[in-house]
């Protein structure tokens, strides 16, 4: 008879002893801590987590708002630069458009100066008058080339868009007619820049 414990596994016997049951170990400290936590403490923990989440969302929203504000400021600066550049280009275009006319008028100015110099050196009314007529014709041609046209008014039916009645005669009931032109009117490229000042009569 052997003194070996029958519950132990004997390799010489070739058989296995019954397995021992597993023992579950529970950390009673954790269970006790969880069990001892009051509902108020649990609620406070949840509120703390919610506050952290809210702070995180607020920081993200503030970062987005700062980004949008910076983008808006850049857009405003770009628009201001574009507006200033457009005004400068428009001014330059107007100046460039007026340059040909000014060059033509400079030639007229030169002719006027020559006529005045000639009249001072040797007064001759007929020659002076002829020179002034030539300068006047040149001035009219320069302005006509720029699109200036005289409004034909005398004998025409009165048109308030092209005529300005400075005087009126006659007491008839007929349509008013331009009897005389007191001040010439002009259009520039089809647009009235000064109506003709006329005397109107009602036949």
N, C-alpha and C. Protein backbone atom coordinates (compact mmCIF):
# COMPACT_ATOMS: atom_id res chain seq x y z
N UNK A 1 0.86 -1.17 0.00
CA UNK A 1 0.00 0.00 0.00
C UNK A 1 0.89 1.22 0.00
N UNK A 2 0.58 2.21 -0.90
CA UNK A 2 1.44 3.41 -1.07
C UNK A 2 0.95 4.53 -0.21
N UNK A 3 1.94 5.32 0.21
CA UNK A 3 1.59 6.52 1.00
C UNK A 3 1.23 7.70 0.11
N UNK A 4 1.29 7.54 -1.20
CA UNK A 4 1.03 8.65 -2.15
C UNK A 4 -0.43 9.05 -2.05
N UNK A 5 -0.65 10.34 -2.10
CA UNK A 5 -2.01 10.90 -2.01
C UNK A 5 -2.77 10.51 -3.25
N UNK A 6 -3.90 9.86 -3.07
CA UNK A 6 -4.64 9.45 -4.27
C UNK A 6 -5.14 10.61 -5.07
N UNK A 7 -5.15 11.81 -4.52
CA UNK A 7 -5.64 12.96 -5.30
C UNK A 7 -4.60 13.57 -6.17
N UNK A 8 -3.33 13.12 -6.03
CA UNK A 8 -2.26 13.70 -6.85
C UNK A 8 -2.09 12.89 -8.09
N UNK A 9 -1.54 13.54 -9.11
CA UNK A 9 -1.36 12.89 -10.40
C UNK A 9 -0.05 12.13 -10.38
N UNK A 10 -0.16 10.82 -10.55
CA UNK A 10 1.02 9.97 -10.53
C UNK A 10 1.34 9.57 -11.95
N UNK A 11 2.46 10.04 -12.47
CA UNK A 11 2.80 9.68 -13.86
C UNK A 11 2.98 8.18 -14.01
N UNK A 12 3.43 7.52 -13.00
CA UNK A 12 3.66 6.08 -13.13
C UNK A 12 2.36 5.34 -13.30
N UNK A 13 1.29 5.85 -12.79
CA UNK A 13 -0.01 5.17 -12.88
C UNK A 13 -0.65 5.38 -14.23
N UNK A 14 -0.23 6.43 -14.92
CA UNK A 14 -0.77 6.63 -16.27
C UNK A 14 -2.14 7.21 -16.28
N UNK A 15 -2.72 7.62 -15.20
CA UNK A 15 -4.07 8.22 -15.22
C UNK A 15 -4.00 9.62 -14.64
N UNK A 16 -4.95 10.42 -14.98
CA UNK A 16 -5.01 11.83 -14.50
C UNK A 16 -5.96 11.91 -13.35
N UNK A 17 -5.57 12.74 -12.40
CA UNK A 17 -6.47 12.96 -11.26
C UNK A 17 -7.51 13.99 -11.66
N UNK A 18 -8.63 14.07 -10.99
CA UNK A 18 -9.68 15.07 -11.32
C UNK A 18 -9.14 16.48 -11.20
N UNK A 19 -9.58 17.40 -12.22
CA UNK A 19 -9.13 18.80 -12.23
C UNK A 19 -9.74 19.54 -11.06
N UNK A 20 -8.94 20.42 -10.52
CA UNK A 20 -9.42 21.27 -9.44
C UNK A 20 -10.30 22.38 -10.00
N UNK A 21 -11.35 22.74 -9.32
CA UNK A 21 -12.24 23.83 -9.81
C UNK A 21 -11.53 25.17 -9.72
N UNK A 22 -11.79 26.05 -10.80
CA UNK A 22 -11.17 27.38 -10.83
C UNK A 22 -11.81 28.28 -9.78
N UNK A 23 -10.97 29.11 -9.20
CA UNK A 23 -11.44 30.03 -8.16
C UNK A 23 -11.42 31.45 -8.71
N UNK A 24 -12.57 32.14 -8.71
CA UNK A 24 -12.68 33.53 -9.20
C UNK A 24 -12.34 34.47 -8.07
N UNK A 25 -11.45 35.45 -8.40
CA UNK A 25 -11.01 36.44 -7.42
C UNK A 25 -11.61 37.78 -7.78
N UNK A 26 -12.25 38.37 -6.86
CA UNK A 26 -12.89 39.67 -7.07
C UNK A 26 -12.20 40.72 -6.24
N UNK A 27 -11.90 41.88 -6.90
CA UNK A 27 -11.27 42.98 -6.18
C UNK A 27 -12.35 43.67 -5.37
N UNK A 28 -12.42 43.33 -4.10
CA UNK A 28 -13.49 43.86 -3.26
C UNK A 28 -13.33 45.36 -3.02
N UNK A 29 -12.13 45.87 -3.19
CA UNK A 29 -11.95 47.31 -2.99
C UNK A 29 -12.70 48.11 -4.05
N UNK A 30 -12.59 47.63 -5.29
CA UNK A 30 -13.30 48.33 -6.37
C UNK A 30 -14.80 48.23 -6.21
N UNK A 31 -15.23 47.03 -5.86
CA UNK A 31 -16.67 46.85 -5.65
C UNK A 31 -17.15 47.71 -4.52
N UNK A 32 -16.35 47.80 -3.48
CA UNK A 32 -16.75 48.58 -2.33
C UNK A 32 -16.76 50.06 -2.66
N UNK A 33 -15.74 50.51 -3.45
CA UNK A 33 -15.70 51.93 -3.83
C UNK A 33 -16.90 52.30 -4.67
N UNK A 34 -17.24 51.42 -5.64
CA UNK A 34 -18.39 51.70 -6.50
C UNK A 34 -19.67 51.67 -5.70
N UNK A 35 -19.71 50.73 -4.76
CA UNK A 35 -20.94 50.61 -3.98
C UNK A 35 -21.08 51.76 -3.01
N UNK A 36 -19.92 52.26 -2.49
CA UNK A 36 -19.98 53.33 -1.52
C UNK A 36 -20.27 54.69 -2.15
N UNK A 37 -20.07 54.85 -3.55
CA UNK A 37 -20.29 56.15 -4.20
C UNK A 37 -21.75 56.52 -4.14
N UNK A 38 -22.01 57.75 -3.72
CA UNK A 38 -23.39 58.21 -3.59
C UNK A 38 -23.91 58.65 -4.95
N UNK A 39 -25.22 58.74 -5.12
CA UNK A 39 -25.80 59.24 -6.38
C UNK A 39 -25.36 60.66 -6.69
N UNK A 40 -25.15 61.49 -5.65
CA UNK A 40 -24.71 62.85 -5.89
C UNK A 40 -23.32 62.88 -6.51
N UNK A 41 -22.42 62.00 -6.00
CA UNK A 41 -21.08 61.95 -6.55
C UNK A 41 -21.09 61.45 -7.99
N UNK A 42 -21.92 60.48 -8.25
CA UNK A 42 -22.02 59.98 -9.63
C UNK A 42 -22.53 61.07 -10.56
N UNK A 43 -23.53 61.82 -10.08
CA UNK A 43 -24.07 62.90 -10.90
C UNK A 43 -23.02 63.98 -11.13
N UNK A 44 -22.23 64.25 -10.07
CA UNK A 44 -21.17 65.26 -10.21
C UNK A 44 -20.14 64.82 -11.25
N UNK A 45 -19.82 63.54 -11.26
CA UNK A 45 -18.87 63.05 -12.26
C UNK A 45 -19.41 63.19 -13.67
N UNK A 46 -20.70 62.86 -13.84
CA UNK A 46 -21.31 63.02 -15.16
C UNK A 46 -21.32 64.48 -15.58
N UNK A 47 -21.62 65.37 -14.63
CA UNK A 47 -21.65 66.79 -14.95
C UNK A 47 -20.27 67.30 -15.33
N UNK A 48 -19.24 66.77 -14.65
CA UNK A 48 -17.87 67.17 -14.98
C UNK A 48 -17.51 66.76 -16.40
N UNK A 49 -17.88 65.54 -16.77
CA UNK A 49 -17.61 65.07 -18.13
C UNK A 49 -18.37 65.92 -19.15
N UNK A 50 -19.63 66.25 -18.84
CA UNK A 50 -20.42 67.07 -19.76
C UNK A 50 -19.81 68.46 -19.90
N UNK A 51 -19.30 69.01 -18.80
CA UNK A 51 -18.68 70.33 -18.85
C UNK A 51 -17.42 70.30 -19.72
N UNK A 52 -16.64 69.22 -19.59
CA UNK A 52 -15.44 69.09 -20.42
C UNK A 52 -15.81 69.03 -21.90
N UNK A 53 -16.86 68.26 -22.21
CA UNK A 53 -17.30 68.17 -23.61
C UNK A 53 -17.78 69.53 -24.11
N UNK A 54 -18.53 70.26 -23.25
CA UNK A 54 -19.03 71.58 -23.66
C UNK A 54 -17.88 72.55 -23.89
N UNK A 55 -16.87 72.52 -23.01
CA UNK A 55 -15.72 73.40 -23.17
C UNK A 55 -14.97 73.08 -24.46
N UNK A 56 -14.86 71.80 -24.77
CA UNK A 56 -14.18 71.40 -26.00
C UNK A 56 -14.94 71.90 -27.23
N UNK A 57 -16.27 71.75 -27.22
CA UNK A 57 -17.07 72.23 -28.34
C UNK A 57 -16.98 73.76 -28.45
N UNK A 58 -16.97 74.46 -27.32
CA UNK A 58 -16.86 75.92 -27.34
C UNK A 58 -15.52 76.36 -27.92
N UNK A 59 -14.45 75.69 -27.54
CA UNK A 59 -13.15 76.04 -28.07
C UNK A 59 -13.10 75.82 -29.58
N UNK A 60 -13.70 74.72 -30.04
CA UNK A 60 -13.73 74.46 -31.49
C UNK A 60 -14.54 75.53 -32.21
N UNK A 61 -15.69 75.92 -31.61
CA UNK A 61 -16.52 76.94 -32.24
C UNK A 61 -15.79 78.29 -32.28
N UNK A 62 -15.07 78.62 -31.20
CA UNK A 62 -14.31 79.87 -31.18
C UNK A 62 -13.19 79.86 -32.21
N UNK A 63 -12.55 78.73 -32.37
CA UNK A 63 -11.48 78.62 -33.38
C UNK A 63 -12.06 78.80 -34.78
N UNK A 64 -13.23 78.20 -35.04
CA UNK A 64 -13.88 78.35 -36.34
C UNK A 64 -14.27 79.80 -36.59
N UNK A 65 -14.83 80.45 -35.55
CA UNK A 65 -15.24 81.84 -35.68
C UNK A 65 -14.04 82.74 -35.98
N UNK A 66 -12.93 82.50 -35.31
CA UNK A 66 -11.71 83.28 -35.56
C UNK A 66 -11.22 83.07 -36.98
N UNK A 67 -11.32 81.83 -37.47
CA UNK A 67 -10.89 81.53 -38.83
C UNK A 67 -11.78 82.25 -39.85
N UNK A 68 -13.10 82.22 -39.63
CA UNK A 68 -14.02 82.91 -40.54
C UNK A 68 -13.80 84.42 -40.51
N UNK A 69 -13.56 84.99 -39.32
CA UNK A 69 -13.32 86.42 -39.21
C UNK A 69 -12.06 86.83 -39.95
N UNK A 70 -11.03 86.03 -39.84
CA UNK A 70 -9.79 86.32 -40.55
C UNK A 70 -10.01 86.26 -42.06
N UNK A 71 -10.77 85.26 -42.50
CA UNK A 71 -11.06 85.14 -43.93
C UNK A 71 -11.88 86.34 -44.41
N UNK A 72 -12.84 86.77 -43.60
CA UNK A 72 -13.67 87.93 -43.98
C UNK A 72 -12.84 89.20 -44.07
N UNK A 73 -11.91 89.37 -43.15
CA UNK A 73 -11.06 90.55 -43.19
C UNK A 73 -10.18 90.55 -44.43
N UNK A 74 -9.71 89.39 -44.80
CA UNK A 74 -8.88 89.32 -46.02
C UNK A 74 -9.71 89.64 -47.25
N UNK A 75 -10.95 89.15 -47.28
CA UNK A 75 -11.83 89.46 -48.40
C UNK A 75 -12.11 90.96 -48.49
N UNK A 76 -12.33 91.57 -47.34
CA UNK A 76 -12.59 93.01 -47.31
C UNK A 76 -11.38 93.79 -47.81
N UNK A 77 -10.20 93.38 -47.40
CA UNK A 77 -8.98 94.05 -47.85
C UNK A 77 -8.81 93.89 -49.36
N UNK A 78 -9.07 92.68 -49.87
CA UNK A 78 -8.97 92.45 -51.31
C UNK A 78 -9.96 93.31 -52.07
N UNK A 79 -11.19 93.43 -51.53
CA UNK A 79 -12.21 94.23 -52.20
C UNK A 79 -11.82 95.71 -52.21
N UNK A 80 -11.29 96.20 -51.10
CA UNK A 80 -10.85 97.61 -51.05
C UNK A 80 -9.74 97.86 -52.07
N UNK A 81 -8.80 96.94 -52.17
CA UNK A 81 -7.73 97.09 -53.16
C UNK A 81 -8.29 97.06 -54.57
N UNK A 82 -9.25 96.17 -54.82
CA UNK A 82 -9.86 96.09 -56.15
C UNK A 82 -10.60 97.38 -56.49
N UNK A 83 -11.33 97.94 -55.51
CA UNK A 83 -12.08 99.17 -55.75
C UNK A 83 -11.12 100.34 -56.06
N UNK A 84 -10.05 100.45 -55.31
CA UNK A 84 -9.08 101.51 -55.57
C UNK A 84 -8.43 101.34 -56.93
N UNK A 85 -8.12 100.09 -57.28
CA UNK A 85 -7.50 99.84 -58.57
C UNK A 85 -8.46 100.16 -59.72
N UNK A 86 -9.75 99.84 -59.53
CA UNK A 86 -10.75 100.11 -60.57
C UNK A 86 -10.91 101.62 -60.77
N UNK A 87 -10.96 102.38 -59.67
CA UNK A 87 -11.10 103.84 -59.79
C UNK A 87 -9.89 104.43 -60.51
N UNK A 88 -8.71 103.92 -60.19
CA UNK A 88 -7.50 104.42 -60.84
C UNK A 88 -7.51 104.10 -62.34
N UNK A 89 -7.95 102.88 -62.68
CA UNK A 89 -8.01 102.50 -64.10
C UNK A 89 -9.05 103.31 -64.85
N UNK A 90 -10.20 103.58 -64.22
CA UNK A 90 -11.23 104.39 -64.87
C UNK A 90 -10.74 105.82 -65.10
N UNK A 91 -10.07 106.38 -64.10
CA UNK A 91 -9.53 107.72 -64.26
C UNK A 91 -8.50 107.77 -65.38
N UNK A 92 -7.67 106.74 -65.44
CA UNK A 92 -6.66 106.68 -66.49
C UNK A 92 -7.31 106.55 -67.87
N UNK A 93 -8.40 105.78 -67.94
CA UNK A 93 -9.09 105.61 -69.22
C UNK A 93 -9.73 106.92 -69.67
N UNK A 94 -10.32 107.67 -68.73
CA UNK A 94 -10.92 108.96 -69.07
C UNK A 94 -9.84 109.93 -69.57
N UNK A 95 -8.72 109.95 -68.87
CA UNK A 95 -7.63 110.84 -69.29
C UNK A 95 -7.13 110.46 -70.68
N UNK A 96 -7.00 109.16 -70.93
CA UNK A 96 -6.52 108.71 -72.23
C UNK A 96 -7.52 109.06 -73.33
N UNK A 97 -8.84 108.98 -73.02
CA UNK A 97 -9.85 109.30 -74.03
C UNK A 97 -9.85 110.79 -74.35
N UNK A 98 -9.55 111.64 -73.36
CA UNK A 98 -9.55 113.09 -73.59
C UNK A 98 -8.28 113.59 -74.27
N UNK A 99 -7.24 112.78 -74.28
CA UNK A 99 -5.96 113.24 -74.82
C UNK A 99 -6.02 113.62 -76.30
N UNK A 100 -6.64 112.82 -77.18
CA UNK A 100 -6.69 113.22 -78.60
C UNK A 100 -7.38 114.56 -78.80
N UNK A 101 -8.49 114.81 -78.08
CA UNK A 101 -9.19 116.08 -78.23
C UNK A 101 -8.32 117.24 -77.76
N UNK A 102 -7.64 117.05 -76.64
CA UNK A 102 -6.78 118.11 -76.12
C UNK A 102 -5.66 118.42 -77.12
N UNK A 103 -5.11 117.40 -77.77
CA UNK A 103 -4.06 117.62 -78.77
C UNK A 103 -4.58 118.45 -79.94
N UNK A 104 -5.83 118.16 -80.37
CA UNK A 104 -6.42 118.95 -81.45
C UNK A 104 -6.64 120.40 -81.01
N UNK A 105 -7.10 120.59 -79.78
CA UNK A 105 -7.34 121.94 -79.29
C UNK A 105 -6.04 122.71 -79.11
N UNK A 106 -4.95 122.01 -78.83
CA UNK A 106 -3.66 122.69 -78.75
C UNK A 106 -3.28 123.31 -80.09
N UNK A 107 -3.61 122.63 -81.17
CA UNK A 107 -3.34 123.19 -82.50
C UNK A 107 -4.18 124.45 -82.73
N UNK A 108 -5.43 124.42 -82.29
CA UNK A 108 -6.27 125.61 -82.40
C UNK A 108 -5.71 126.75 -81.57
N UNK A 109 -5.25 126.41 -80.36
CA UNK A 109 -4.66 127.43 -79.50
C UNK A 109 -3.43 128.05 -80.15
N UNK A 110 -2.60 127.25 -80.80
CA UNK A 110 -1.43 127.78 -81.51
C UNK A 110 -1.85 128.75 -82.61
N UNK A 111 -2.91 128.40 -83.36
CA UNK A 111 -3.38 129.27 -84.44
C UNK A 111 -3.91 130.58 -83.89
N UNK A 112 -4.60 130.54 -82.77
CA UNK A 112 -5.08 131.77 -82.14
C UNK A 112 -3.92 132.67 -81.75
N UNK A 113 -2.87 132.09 -81.17
CA UNK A 113 -1.72 132.88 -80.76
C UNK A 113 -1.04 133.52 -81.97
N UNK A 114 -0.91 132.78 -83.07
CA UNK A 114 -0.31 133.34 -84.28
C UNK A 114 -1.15 134.49 -84.83
N UNK A 115 -2.49 134.31 -84.79
CA UNK A 115 -3.36 135.38 -85.30
C UNK A 115 -3.23 136.64 -84.45
N UNK A 116 -3.16 136.49 -83.14
CA UNK A 116 -3.03 137.64 -82.26
C UNK A 116 -1.68 138.33 -82.45
N UNK A 117 -0.63 137.55 -82.63
CA UNK A 117 0.70 138.13 -82.85
C UNK A 117 0.72 138.91 -84.15
N UNK A 118 0.10 138.37 -85.20
CA UNK A 118 0.07 139.07 -86.48
C UNK A 118 -0.73 140.36 -86.39
N UNK A 119 -1.83 140.34 -85.65
CA UNK A 119 -2.65 141.55 -85.51
C UNK A 119 -1.91 142.63 -84.73
N UNK A 120 -1.06 142.26 -83.78
CA UNK A 120 -0.30 143.24 -83.01
C UNK A 120 0.81 143.87 -83.86
N UNK A 121 1.46 143.06 -84.69
CA UNK A 121 2.59 143.55 -85.49
C UNK A 121 2.10 144.42 -86.65
N UNK A 122 1.06 144.01 -87.32
CA UNK A 122 0.55 144.76 -88.48
C UNK A 122 -0.96 144.67 -88.48
N UNK A 123 -1.62 145.63 -87.85
CA UNK A 123 -3.08 145.58 -87.78
C UNK A 123 -3.70 145.60 -89.17
N UNK A 124 -4.44 144.59 -89.46
CA UNK A 124 -5.18 144.50 -90.72
C UNK A 124 -6.46 143.72 -90.41
N UNK A 125 -7.56 144.44 -90.37
CA UNK A 125 -8.80 143.82 -89.92
C UNK A 125 -9.21 142.67 -90.83
N UNK A 126 -9.09 142.84 -92.11
CA UNK A 126 -9.54 141.79 -93.04
C UNK A 126 -8.73 140.51 -92.86
N UNK A 127 -7.41 140.66 -92.77
CA UNK A 127 -6.57 139.48 -92.58
C UNK A 127 -6.83 138.84 -91.21
N UNK A 128 -7.00 139.71 -90.21
CA UNK A 128 -7.27 139.18 -88.87
C UNK A 128 -8.60 138.41 -88.85
N UNK A 129 -9.60 138.96 -89.51
CA UNK A 129 -10.90 138.30 -89.56
C UNK A 129 -10.79 136.96 -90.30
N UNK A 130 -10.06 136.97 -91.37
CA UNK A 130 -9.89 135.72 -92.13
C UNK A 130 -9.16 134.67 -91.29
N UNK A 131 -8.15 135.10 -90.55
CA UNK A 131 -7.42 134.16 -89.70
C UNK A 131 -8.31 133.60 -88.59
N UNK A 132 -9.14 134.44 -87.99
CA UNK A 132 -10.04 133.98 -86.94
C UNK A 132 -11.05 132.99 -87.51
N UNK A 133 -11.53 133.26 -88.72
CA UNK A 133 -12.48 132.34 -89.36
C UNK A 133 -11.86 130.97 -89.60
N UNK A 134 -10.58 130.98 -89.99
CA UNK A 134 -9.90 129.70 -90.20
C UNK A 134 -9.73 128.94 -88.89
N UNK A 135 -9.39 129.68 -87.84
CA UNK A 135 -9.22 129.03 -86.53
C UNK A 135 -10.56 128.50 -86.04
N UNK A 136 -11.61 129.27 -86.26
CA UNK A 136 -12.94 128.83 -85.82
C UNK A 136 -13.35 127.55 -86.56
N UNK A 137 -13.09 127.50 -87.85
CA UNK A 137 -13.43 126.31 -88.63
C UNK A 137 -12.63 125.09 -88.15
N UNK A 138 -11.39 125.33 -87.79
CA UNK A 138 -10.55 124.23 -87.30
C UNK A 138 -11.05 123.74 -85.95
N UNK A 139 -11.48 124.68 -85.11
CA UNK A 139 -12.01 124.30 -83.80
C UNK A 139 -13.29 123.48 -83.97
N UNK A 140 -14.18 123.91 -84.84
CA UNK A 140 -15.41 123.16 -85.08
C UNK A 140 -15.11 121.75 -85.58
N UNK A 141 -14.13 121.63 -86.46
CA UNK A 141 -13.79 120.31 -87.01
C UNK A 141 -13.20 119.41 -85.93
N UNK A 142 -12.40 119.98 -85.04
CA UNK A 142 -11.81 119.18 -83.96
C UNK A 142 -12.90 118.66 -83.03
N UNK A 143 -13.86 119.52 -82.69
CA UNK A 143 -14.95 119.10 -81.80
C UNK A 143 -15.88 118.12 -82.50
N UNK A 144 -16.10 118.32 -83.80
CA UNK A 144 -16.95 117.39 -84.55
C UNK A 144 -16.32 116.00 -84.59
N UNK A 145 -14.99 115.95 -84.73
CA UNK A 145 -14.30 114.66 -84.74
C UNK A 145 -14.43 113.95 -83.40
N UNK A 146 -14.62 114.72 -82.33
CA UNK A 146 -14.80 114.13 -81.00
C UNK A 146 -16.24 113.72 -80.75
N UNK A 147 -17.15 113.98 -81.71
CA UNK A 147 -18.55 113.57 -81.56
C UNK A 147 -19.50 114.70 -81.23
N UNK A 148 -19.04 115.95 -81.30
CA UNK A 148 -19.89 117.09 -80.98
C UNK A 148 -20.67 117.51 -82.22
N UNK A 149 -21.98 117.67 -82.06
CA UNK A 149 -22.85 118.10 -83.15
C UNK A 149 -23.75 119.22 -82.67
N UNK A 150 -23.98 120.18 -83.56
CA UNK A 150 -24.88 121.29 -83.22
C UNK A 150 -26.33 120.85 -83.44
N UNK A 151 -27.20 121.29 -82.53
CA UNK A 151 -28.62 120.97 -82.64
C UNK A 151 -29.28 121.96 -83.60
N UNK A 152 -29.88 121.43 -84.64
CA UNK A 152 -30.62 122.28 -85.58
C UNK A 152 -31.98 122.60 -84.96
N UNK A 153 -32.23 123.88 -84.75
CA UNK A 153 -33.43 124.26 -84.01
C UNK A 153 -34.33 125.23 -84.76
N UNK A 154 -33.79 126.19 -85.46
CA UNK A 154 -34.62 127.24 -86.05
C UNK A 154 -35.61 126.68 -87.06
N UNK A 155 -36.89 127.06 -86.87
CA UNK A 155 -37.94 126.59 -87.76
C UNK A 155 -38.47 125.21 -87.40
N UNK A 156 -37.89 124.57 -86.42
CA UNK A 156 -38.32 123.23 -86.02
C UNK A 156 -39.44 123.32 -84.96
N UNK A 157 -40.22 122.26 -84.87
CA UNK A 157 -41.20 122.19 -83.79
C UNK A 157 -40.46 122.11 -82.45
N UNK A 158 -40.98 122.80 -81.47
CA UNK A 158 -40.32 122.87 -80.17
C UNK A 158 -40.25 121.48 -79.54
N UNK A 159 -39.05 121.09 -79.14
CA UNK A 159 -38.81 119.79 -78.51
C UNK A 159 -38.12 120.05 -77.17
N UNK A 160 -38.81 119.82 -76.07
CA UNK A 160 -38.21 120.14 -74.76
C UNK A 160 -36.96 119.32 -74.45
N UNK A 161 -36.74 118.22 -75.15
CA UNK A 161 -35.53 117.44 -74.92
C UNK A 161 -34.30 118.07 -75.57
N UNK A 162 -34.53 118.87 -76.61
CA UNK A 162 -33.42 119.49 -77.34
C UNK A 162 -33.43 121.01 -77.26
N UNK A 163 -34.56 121.58 -76.86
CA UNK A 163 -34.69 123.04 -76.86
C UNK A 163 -35.06 123.53 -75.46
N UNK A 164 -34.60 124.72 -75.15
CA UNK A 164 -34.98 125.40 -73.91
C UNK A 164 -35.59 126.75 -74.28
N UNK A 165 -36.87 126.91 -73.94
CA UNK A 165 -37.58 128.15 -74.30
C UNK A 165 -37.14 129.28 -73.40
N UNK A 166 -36.42 130.24 -73.97
CA UNK A 166 -35.99 131.42 -73.22
C UNK A 166 -36.96 132.58 -73.39
N UNK A 167 -37.66 132.57 -74.51
CA UNK A 167 -38.66 133.62 -74.78
C UNK A 167 -39.83 132.97 -75.52
N UNK A 168 -41.00 133.62 -75.45
CA UNK A 168 -42.17 133.11 -76.14
C UNK A 168 -42.98 134.28 -76.70
N UNK A 169 -43.41 134.12 -77.94
CA UNK A 169 -44.24 135.13 -78.58
C UNK A 169 -45.45 134.45 -79.20
N UNK A 170 -46.46 135.25 -79.51
CA UNK A 170 -47.66 134.72 -80.14
C UNK A 170 -48.61 134.15 -79.13
N UNK A 171 -49.89 134.29 -79.43
CA UNK A 171 -50.95 133.80 -78.54
C UNK A 171 -51.83 132.77 -79.23
N UNK A 172 -51.32 132.17 -80.30
CA UNK A 172 -52.12 131.18 -81.01
C UNK A 172 -52.23 129.88 -80.22
N UNK A 173 -53.02 128.99 -80.76
CA UNK A 173 -53.24 127.70 -80.12
C UNK A 173 -52.52 126.56 -80.85
N UNK A 174 -51.72 126.90 -81.83
CA UNK A 174 -50.99 125.87 -82.57
C UNK A 174 -49.79 125.35 -81.79
N UNK A 175 -49.13 124.35 -82.35
CA UNK A 175 -47.94 123.79 -81.70
C UNK A 175 -46.82 124.81 -81.70
N UNK A 176 -46.08 124.92 -80.60
CA UNK A 176 -44.99 125.92 -80.54
C UNK A 176 -43.88 125.58 -81.53
N UNK A 177 -43.36 126.61 -82.13
CA UNK A 177 -42.30 126.47 -83.12
C UNK A 177 -41.14 127.37 -82.73
N UNK A 178 -39.92 126.90 -83.01
CA UNK A 178 -38.73 127.70 -82.71
C UNK A 178 -38.64 128.82 -83.73
N UNK A 179 -38.75 130.03 -83.24
CA UNK A 179 -38.69 131.20 -84.12
C UNK A 179 -37.27 131.72 -84.29
N UNK A 180 -36.45 131.60 -83.24
CA UNK A 180 -35.08 132.11 -83.32
C UNK A 180 -34.22 131.36 -82.30
N UNK A 181 -32.94 131.21 -82.63
CA UNK A 181 -31.98 130.54 -81.73
C UNK A 181 -31.16 131.61 -81.03
N UNK A 182 -31.29 131.66 -79.72
CA UNK A 182 -30.56 132.65 -78.92
C UNK A 182 -29.24 132.08 -78.38
N UNK A 183 -29.15 130.79 -78.26
CA UNK A 183 -27.92 130.13 -77.79
C UNK A 183 -27.86 128.75 -78.42
N UNK A 184 -26.74 128.47 -79.06
CA UNK A 184 -26.60 127.20 -79.77
C UNK A 184 -26.60 126.03 -78.77
N UNK A 185 -27.22 124.93 -79.17
CA UNK A 185 -27.21 123.71 -78.37
C UNK A 185 -26.39 122.64 -79.06
N UNK A 186 -25.92 121.67 -78.28
CA UNK A 186 -25.02 120.65 -78.82
C UNK A 186 -25.33 119.28 -78.22
N UNK A 187 -25.02 118.27 -79.02
CA UNK A 187 -25.05 116.89 -78.54
C UNK A 187 -23.65 116.31 -78.67
N UNK A 188 -23.32 115.42 -77.76
CA UNK A 188 -22.03 114.73 -77.81
C UNK A 188 -22.30 113.25 -77.97
N UNK A 189 -21.99 112.76 -79.16
CA UNK A 189 -22.23 111.35 -79.51
C UNK A 189 -23.70 110.97 -79.28
N UNK A 190 -24.58 111.87 -79.69
CA UNK A 190 -26.02 111.61 -79.63
C UNK A 190 -26.68 111.99 -78.32
N UNK A 191 -25.91 112.39 -77.32
CA UNK A 191 -26.48 112.77 -76.02
C UNK A 191 -26.44 114.28 -75.86
N UNK A 192 -27.58 114.85 -75.47
CA UNK A 192 -27.67 116.30 -75.33
C UNK A 192 -26.82 116.74 -74.14
N UNK A 193 -25.85 117.60 -74.40
CA UNK A 193 -25.04 118.14 -73.31
C UNK A 193 -25.42 119.59 -73.02
N UNK A 194 -26.08 120.25 -73.98
CA UNK A 194 -26.63 121.58 -73.74
C UNK A 194 -27.77 121.82 -74.73
N UNK A 195 -28.99 122.00 -74.22
CA UNK A 195 -30.10 122.27 -75.13
C UNK A 195 -29.96 123.65 -75.77
N UNK A 196 -30.55 123.80 -76.92
CA UNK A 196 -30.51 125.10 -77.61
C UNK A 196 -31.47 126.07 -76.92
N UNK A 197 -30.96 127.25 -76.61
CA UNK A 197 -31.82 128.29 -76.03
C UNK A 197 -32.55 129.01 -77.16
N UNK A 198 -33.86 128.96 -77.16
CA UNK A 198 -34.62 129.44 -78.32
C UNK A 198 -35.75 130.38 -77.89
N UNK A 199 -36.22 131.10 -78.92
CA UNK A 199 -37.45 131.88 -78.77
C UNK A 199 -38.55 131.11 -79.47
N UNK A 200 -39.65 130.91 -78.76
CA UNK A 200 -40.74 130.08 -79.25
C UNK A 200 -41.93 130.96 -79.62
N UNK A 201 -42.60 130.60 -80.70
CA UNK A 201 -43.81 131.29 -81.08
C UNK A 201 -44.93 130.28 -81.32
N UNK A 202 -46.15 130.73 -81.06
CA UNK A 202 -47.32 129.89 -81.32
C UNK A 202 -48.12 130.53 -82.46
N UNK A 203 -48.10 129.91 -83.63
CA UNK A 203 -48.81 130.50 -84.76
C UNK A 203 -50.31 130.46 -84.57
